[in-house]
Amino acid sequence: MAKAIRILSGLYAIAIYGFIFLPVVVLVLFSLQATSFPIPPFTGPSLRWYDAVLADTRLTSALVNSLLVAAISSAVAVTLGFLSAWGFARFVLPGSGLLRGLITLPLTVSYLIIGMGLLVLFNWAGVPKSLLAAGIGHVVINLPLCFAIIYSQMGDHQINIERAARDLGAPEWKVLLLITVPVMAPAIFAGFFLSMTFSWDEFVISFLLTRFDTTLPVEIWNLLRSGLNPKTNAVGSLVFAVSIVLVVMFELMLLRRKPA
């Protein structure tokens, strides 16, 4: 009986992981297809479509745009998230529970709703559709995540270290930069790389808030509008590879975190 349960558990695990990763395997496999049609039989391996992607100026520009938006918006989000977490953890604020709930509320709201709200707000304020508008949208969706990660790691032992630094005459800004930030570095970097992952392949907000200069997911959508294109497989594989790298870096940051 126990052996049968182990076999069924193994088959179930294989089915689950196959369901998750089989589409990605097919995507990567046909990105190496030599012919113009991403259909069986497989005629690769070939880097033809990767060369075509790198030669396409619209795709390469969108790739650079995605990296810039992801990096800058994630840096802003993690900075604001850290300062918010530090303020809530170190000071007694009226209605702090309600305020923390409001900060994390965007985590439960659809990106479509957030994007539409930002679109209406920017139209009212006269802010044109641009990469800047998309970057602000990415800060809105990633700041709550950074706040939640960093706030969860601010423990009492850090308060004692900060208090000791103040007793030795360190001003508050030095305590923050030289004590709190280094101690919280694993959580800060984890929040940054996870935000990069979400921003890198985010589509809805980027689609609603950009016009001429677009991000890579929007360009992929433009390619798919004209039907199956082998270049989309290559672009999708590159997006997946970057996402994997960011997630691995996020996991490494978590592994470096020392228990309290």
Protein backbone atom coordinates (compact mmCIF):
# COMPACT_ATOMS: atom_id res chain seq x y z
CA MET A 1 0.00 0.00 0.00
CA ALA A 2 2.78 2.42 0.95
CA LYS A 3 4.62 1.61 -2.29
CA ALA A 4 1.47 2.30 -4.32
CA ILE A 5 1.03 5.65 -2.57
CA ARG A 6 4.65 6.60 -3.36
CA ILE A 7 4.16 5.66 -7.03
CA LEU A 8 0.94 7.66 -7.26
CA SER A 9 2.60 10.61 -5.52
CA GLY A 10 5.47 10.45 -8.00
CA LEU A 11 3.12 10.30 -10.98
CA TYR A 12 1.12 13.19 -9.58
CA ALA A 13 4.28 15.27 -9.13
CA ILE A 14 5.39 14.48 -12.70
CA ALA A 15 1.95 15.48 -14.02
CA ILE A 16 1.97 18.76 -12.10
CA TYR A 17 5.49 19.76 -13.18
CA GLY A 18 4.77 18.63 -16.74
CA PHE A 19 1.63 20.77 -16.83
CA ILE A 20 3.65 23.78 -15.63
CA PHE A 21 6.83 23.41 -17.66
CA LEU A 22 5.77 21.61 -20.86
CA PRO A 23 4.61 24.83 -22.57
CA VAL A 24 7.96 26.44 -21.74
CA VAL A 25 9.87 23.44 -23.08
CA VAL A 26 7.87 23.58 -26.33
CA LEU A 27 8.46 27.34 -26.59
CA VAL A 28 12.23 27.00 -26.17
CA LEU A 29 12.38 23.96 -28.47
CA PHE A 30 10.63 25.70 -31.37
CA SER A 31 12.66 28.86 -30.85
CA LEU A 32 15.48 26.69 -32.20
CA GLN A 33 13.41 25.61 -35.21
CA ALA A 34 15.23 26.21 -38.51
CA THR A 35 12.12 26.59 -40.69
CA SER A 36 9.67 29.48 -40.86
CA PHE A 37 6.83 27.49 -39.31
CA PRO A 38 6.91 26.67 -35.56
CA ILE A 39 5.25 23.28 -36.06
CA PRO A 40 6.45 19.65 -35.93
CA PRO A 41 8.65 18.06 -37.05
CA PHE A 42 11.56 19.77 -35.32
CA THR A 43 14.23 20.82 -37.84
CA GLY A 44 16.82 22.43 -35.56
CA PRO A 45 18.76 23.29 -33.68
CA SER A 46 19.29 26.71 -35.21
CA LEU A 47 19.87 30.21 -33.85
CA ARG A 48 18.25 31.76 -36.92
CA TRP A 49 15.36 33.35 -35.05
CA TYR A 50 17.53 34.65 -32.24
CA ASP A 51 19.62 36.41 -34.89
CA ALA A 52 16.40 37.79 -36.38
CA VAL A 53 15.32 39.11 -32.98
CA LEU A 54 18.66 40.83 -32.38
CA ALA A 55 18.50 42.35 -35.88
CA ASP A 56 14.99 43.74 -35.29
CA THR A 57 15.44 47.29 -33.99
CA ARG A 58 11.90 47.49 -32.60
CA LEU A 59 12.40 44.36 -30.54
CA THR A 60 15.85 45.35 -29.30
CA SER A 61 14.59 48.83 -28.39
CA ALA A 62 11.67 47.29 -26.54
CA LEU A 63 14.09 44.95 -24.78
CA VAL A 64 16.20 47.89 -23.59
CA ASN A 65 13.06 49.77 -22.58
CA SER A 66 11.87 46.81 -20.50
CA LEU A 67 15.21 46.54 -18.73
CA LEU A 68 15.33 50.27 -17.98
CA VAL A 69 11.73 50.43 -16.74
CA ALA A 70 12.19 47.29 -14.64
CA ALA A 71 15.48 48.43 -13.08
CA ILE A 72 14.49 52.03 -12.35
CA SER A 73 10.95 51.31 -11.15
CA SER A 74 12.21 48.46 -8.95
CA ALA A 75 14.87 50.72 -7.41
CA VAL A 76 12.26 53.38 -6.64
CA ALA A 77 9.79 50.79 -5.31
CA VAL A 78 12.32 49.12 -3.02
CA THR A 79 13.54 52.50 -1.71
CA LEU A 80 10.03 53.68 -0.89
CA GLY A 81 9.13 50.25 0.46
CA PHE A 82 12.18 50.23 2.74
CA LEU A 83 11.50 53.72 4.10
CA SER A 84 7.85 52.85 4.70
CA ALA A 85 8.73 49.59 6.45
CA TRP A 86 11.35 51.34 8.59
CA GLY A 87 8.87 54.04 9.60
CA PHE A 88 6.17 51.54 10.60
CA ALA A 89 8.64 49.29 12.42
CA ARG A 90 10.47 51.99 14.35
CA PHE A 91 7.79 54.55 15.19
CA VAL A 92 4.33 54.38 16.75
CA LEU A 93 1.95 55.89 14.22
CA PRO A 94 -1.78 56.50 14.70
CA GLY A 95 -3.79 53.99 12.71
CA SER A 96 -0.67 52.10 11.67
CA GLY A 97 -2.59 48.86 11.10
CA LEU A 98 -4.98 50.58 8.69
CA LEU A 99 -2.12 52.36 6.92
CA ARG A 100 -0.18 49.11 6.47
CA GLY A 101 -3.29 47.54 5.01
CA LEU A 102 -3.69 50.41 2.56
CA ILE A 103 -0.06 50.06 1.43
CA THR A 104 -0.44 46.35 0.72
CA LEU A 105 -3.93 46.72 -0.81
CA PRO A 106 -2.66 46.90 -4.44
CA LEU A 107 -1.44 43.30 -4.04
CA THR A 108 -5.09 42.20 -4.07
CA VAL A 109 -6.23 44.45 -6.94
CA SER A 110 -6.16 43.39 -10.59
CA TYR A 111 -3.46 44.99 -12.73
CA LEU A 112 -6.20 45.88 -15.20
CA ILE A 113 -8.02 47.96 -12.58
CA ILE A 114 -4.80 49.65 -11.48
CA GLY A 115 -3.82 50.38 -15.08
CA MET A 116 -7.22 51.83 -15.95
CA GLY A 117 -7.18 53.97 -12.81
CA LEU A 118 -3.72 55.30 -13.63
CA LEU A 119 -4.77 55.94 -17.23
CA VAL A 120 -7.73 58.05 -16.09
CA LEU A 121 -5.58 59.87 -13.52
CA PHE A 122 -2.81 60.63 -16.01
CA ASN A 123 -5.31 61.85 -18.63
CA TRP A 124 -6.83 64.17 -16.02
CA ALA A 125 -3.38 65.40 -14.94
CA GLY A 126 -2.14 65.84 -18.51
CA VAL A 127 0.59 63.18 -18.24
CA PRO A 128 1.14 61.63 -21.69
CA LYS A 129 1.46 57.93 -22.33
CA SER A 130 5.13 57.05 -22.08
CA LEU A 131 7.70 54.79 -20.48
CA LEU A 132 7.69 57.17 -17.52
CA ALA A 133 3.97 56.60 -17.01
CA ALA A 134 4.49 52.83 -17.28
CA GLY A 135 7.35 53.05 -14.77
CA ILE A 136 5.12 54.88 -12.29
CA GLY A 137 2.55 52.12 -12.74
CA HIS A 138 5.18 49.48 -12.01
CA VAL A 139 6.19 51.35 -8.85
CA VAL A 140 2.54 51.28 -7.74
CA ILE A 141 2.28 47.50 -8.12
CA ASN A 142 5.75 46.65 -6.77
CA LEU A 143 5.98 49.00 -3.79
CA PRO A 144 3.51 46.93 -1.67
CA LEU A 145 5.52 43.79 -2.41
CA CYS A 146 8.81 45.41 -1.37
CA PHE A 147 7.18 46.82 1.74
CA ALA A 148 5.78 43.41 2.76
CA ILE A 149 9.13 41.63 2.27
CA ILE A 150 11.21 44.22 4.11
CA TYR A 151 8.74 44.88 6.92
CA SER A 152 8.51 41.16 7.69
CA GLN A 153 12.27 41.05 8.31
CA MET A 154 12.58 44.01 10.66
CA GLY A 155 13.07 42.38 14.06
CA ASP A 156 13.78 43.58 17.59
CA HIS A 157 17.46 42.60 17.40
CA GLN A 158 17.98 45.34 14.81
CA ILE A 159 16.44 47.88 17.19
CA ASN A 160 19.10 47.04 19.77
CA ILE A 161 21.89 47.52 17.22
CA GLU A 162 20.45 50.86 16.10
CA ARG A 163 20.06 51.99 19.72
CA ALA A 164 23.69 51.11 20.43
CA ALA A 165 24.82 53.17 17.43
CA ARG A 166 22.81 56.17 18.67
CA ASP A 167 24.28 55.80 22.15
CA LEU A 168 27.73 56.01 20.57
CA GLY A 169 26.81 59.34 18.98
CA ALA A 170 25.77 58.33 15.46
CA PRO A 171 23.20 60.68 13.89
CA GLU A 172 19.96 59.18 12.61
CA TRP A 173 20.93 59.26 8.93
CA LYS A 174 24.13 57.32 9.68
CA VAL A 175 22.19 54.78 11.72
CA LEU A 176 19.85 54.32 8.77
CA LEU A 177 22.53 54.08 6.06
CA LEU A 178 25.35 52.32 7.95
CA ILE A 179 23.39 50.04 10.28
CA THR A 180 19.81 49.42 9.12
CA VAL A 181 20.46 49.16 5.38
CA PRO A 182 23.38 46.67 5.61
CA VAL A 183 21.48 44.52 8.12
CA MET A 184 18.41 44.52 5.87
CA ALA A 185 20.42 44.06 2.64
CA PRO A 186 19.18 40.49 1.90
CA ALA A 187 15.52 41.54 2.19
CA ILE A 188 16.16 44.72 0.20
CA PHE A 189 17.85 42.85 -2.65
CA ALA A 190 15.18 40.14 -2.56
CA GLY A 191 12.48 42.78 -2.94
CA PHE A 192 14.41 44.45 -5.75
CA PHE A 193 14.94 41.30 -7.80
CA LEU A 194 11.39 40.08 -7.29
CA SER A 195 10.12 43.49 -8.42
CA MET A 196 12.39 43.26 -11.45
CA THR A 197 10.84 39.90 -12.28
CA PHE A 198 7.28 41.24 -12.12
CA SER A 199 8.10 44.46 -13.97
CA TRP A 200 10.13 42.70 -16.67
CA ASP A 201 7.22 40.67 -18.04
CA GLU A 202 4.28 42.90 -17.00
CA PHE A 203 1.94 43.57 -19.94
CA VAL A 204 -1.39 45.14 -18.95
CA ILE A 205 -0.12 48.36 -17.35
CA SER A 206 2.60 48.78 -19.98
CA PHE A 207 0.03 48.32 -22.75
CA LEU A 208 -2.34 50.90 -21.27
CA LEU A 209 0.27 53.54 -20.39
CA THR A 210 2.67 53.49 -23.37
CA ARG A 211 2.19 54.64 -26.93
CA PHE A 212 5.23 54.82 -29.24
CA ASP A 213 8.06 53.61 -27.00
CA THR A 214 6.86 50.27 -25.67
CA THR A 215 8.18 47.44 -23.55
CA LEU A 216 9.01 43.95 -24.75
CA PRO A 217 5.75 42.23 -23.68
CA VAL A 218 3.78 44.82 -25.68
CA GLU A 219 5.96 44.20 -28.74
CA ILE A 220 5.43 40.45 -28.37
CA TRP A 221 1.69 41.07 -28.34
CA ASN A 222 2.05 43.16 -31.52
CA LEU A 223 3.85 40.24 -33.18
CA LEU A 224 1.18 37.77 -32.13
CA ARG A 225 -1.58 39.94 -33.62
CA SER A 226 -0.33 39.02 -37.10
CA GLY A 227 -0.31 35.28 -36.34
CA LEU A 228 2.32 32.78 -35.28
CA ASN A 229 5.81 34.09 -35.86
CA PRO A 230 8.96 32.07 -35.07
CA LYS A 231 10.53 35.22 -33.65
CA THR A 232 7.96 35.24 -30.86
CA ASN A 233 9.32 31.89 -29.66
CA ALA A 234 12.83 33.30 -29.52
CA VAL A 235 11.68 36.47 -27.74
CA GLY A 236 9.59 34.43 -25.31
CA SER A 237 12.59 32.23 -24.55
CA LEU A 238 14.71 35.31 -23.83
CA VAL A 239 12.03 36.72 -21.52
CA PHE A 240 11.82 33.39 -19.71
CA ALA A 241 15.61 33.21 -19.36
CA VAL A 242 15.83 36.69 -17.84
CA SER A 243 12.95 35.87 -15.46
CA ILE A 244 14.74 32.70 -14.35
CA VAL A 245 17.95 34.64 -13.69
CA LEU A 246 16.08 37.20 -11.58
CA VAL A 247 14.23 34.54 -9.61
CA VAL A 248 17.50 32.67 -8.93
CA MET A 249 19.10 35.89 -7.68
CA PHE A 250 16.04 36.47 -5.47
CA GLU A 251 16.38 32.96 -4.02
CA LEU A 252 20.09 33.49 -3.39
CA MET A 253 19.31 36.67 -1.49
CA LEU A 254 16.82 34.77 0.67
CA LEU A 255 19.34 32.00 1.35
CA ARG A 256 21.87 34.59 2.53
CA ARG A 257 19.39 35.92 5.10
CA LYS A 258 20.48 34.95 8.58
CA PRO A 259 17.77 33.81 10.97
CA ALA A 260 16.86 36.22 13.72
